[in-house]
C-alpha atoms as a PDB file:
ATOM      1  CA  MET A   1      -9.559  -5.181   5.675  1.00  0.00           C
ATOM      2  CA  ASN A   2      -6.308  -4.060   7.292  1.00  0.00           C
ATOM      3  CA  MET A   3      -5.011  -0.620   6.419  1.00  0.00           C
ATOM      4  CA  LEU A   4      -1.376  -0.348   5.350  1.00  0.00           C
ATOM      5  CA  ILE A   5       0.783   2.726   5.577  1.00  0.00           C
ATOM      6  CA  CYS A   6       4.106   3.573   3.925  1.00  0.00           C
ATOM      7  CA  LYS A   7       7.078   3.346   6.289  1.00  0.00           C
ATOM      8  CA  LYS A   8       8.748   6.197   4.394  1.00  0.00           C
ATOM      9  CA  CYS A   9       6.017   8.882   4.461  1.00  0.00           C
ATOM     10  CA  GLY A  10       3.333   7.477   6.819  1.00  0.00           C
ATOM     11  CA  ARG A  11       0.503   7.773   4.315  1.00  0.00           C
ATOM     12  CA  GLU A  12      -1.944   5.076   3.193  1.00  0.00           C
ATOM     13  CA  ILE A  13      -0.695   2.443   0.743  1.00  0.00           C
ATOM     14  CA  LEU A  14      -2.890   1.290  -2.134  1.00  0.00           C
ATOM     15  CA  PRO A  15      -2.913  -2.113  -3.825  1.00  0.00           C
ATOM     16  CA  GLU A  16      -1.086  -2.087  -7.181  1.00  0.00           C
ATOM     17  CA  ASN A  17      -3.500  -2.296 -10.141  1.00  0.00           C
ATOM     18  CA  ASP A  18      -1.052  -3.058 -12.972  1.00  0.00           C
ATOM     19  CA  LYS A  19      -0.872  -6.857 -13.455  1.00  0.00           C
ATOM     20  CA  ALA A  20       2.779  -6.858 -14.576  1.00  0.00           C
ATOM     21  CA  LEU A  21       3.967  -4.697 -11.684  1.00  0.00           C
ATOM     22  CA  LYS A  22       1.785  -6.518  -9.157  1.00  0.00           C
ATOM     23  CA  LYS A  23       3.871  -9.679  -9.545  1.00  0.00           C
ATOM     24  CA  GLU A  24       6.876  -7.925  -8.003  1.00  0.00           C
ATOM     25  CA  TYR A  25       5.401  -4.904  -6.182  1.00  0.00           C
ATOM     26  CA  PRO A  26       2.001  -5.625  -4.624  1.00  0.00           C
ATOM     27  CA  TYR A  27       1.521  -2.070  -3.265  1.00  0.00           C
ATOM     28  CA  TYR A  28       1.745   1.552  -4.404  1.00  0.00           C
ATOM     29  CA  CYS A  29       2.227   4.782  -2.444  1.00  0.00           C
ATOM     30  CA  SER A  30       0.702   7.709  -4.318  1.00  0.00           C
ATOM     31  CA  PHE A  31       2.435  10.313  -2.116  1.00  0.00           C
ATOM     32  CA  CYS A  32       5.944   8.909  -2.701  1.00  0.00           C
ATOM     33  CA  ASP A  33       4.915   7.892  -6.250  1.00  0.00           C
ATOM     34  CA  GLU A  34       6.658   4.550  -5.721  1.00  0.00           C
ATOM     35  CA  ASN A  35       5.781   0.902  -5.996  1.00  0.00           C
ATOM     36  CA  LYS A  36       6.356  -0.905  -2.701  1.00  0.00           C
ATOM     37  CA  TYR A  37       7.260  -4.355  -1.473  1.00  0.00           C
ATOM     38  CA  GLU A  38       5.324  -5.738   1.492  1.00  0.00           C
ATOM     39  CA  PHE A  39       8.245  -5.084   3.900  1.00  0.00           C
ATOM     40  CA  GLU A  40       8.096  -1.375   2.992  1.00  0.00           C
ATOM     41  CA  CYS A  41       4.559  -1.187   4.427  1.00  0.00           C
ATOM     42  CA  MET A  42       3.219  -1.298   7.961  1.00  0.00           C
ATOM     43  CA  GLY A  43      -0.198  -2.540   9.053  1.00  0.00           C
ATOM     44  CA  VAL A  44      -2.125  -0.175  11.334  1.00  0.00           C
ATOM     45  CA  GLY A  45      -5.404  -1.910  11.998  1.00  0.00           C
ATOM     46  CA  LYS A  46      -8.737  -2.159  10.271  1.00  0.00           C
ATOM     47  CA  LYS A  47      -9.925   0.162   7.553  1.00  0.00           C
ATOM     48  CA  GLU A  48     -13.581   1.064   7.927  1.00  0.00           C
ATOM     49  CA  ALA A  49     -15.792   0.112   5.003  1.00  0.00           C
ATOM     50  CA  LEU A  50     -17.821   2.931   3.502  1.00  0.00           C
ATOM     51  CA  ILE A  51     -21.445   1.963   3.003  1.00  0.00           C
END
């Protein structure tokens, strides 16, 4: 799974959980407390799975 970071703050982006919001904003930045479009995120490689 690729890790995404916020272009605004540089912290990890989470997938949006709310079904209504997810239709328009697929991601959420908890540091900025903002819903994000895909173009507001940047991929930085693979996220390691915790086992």
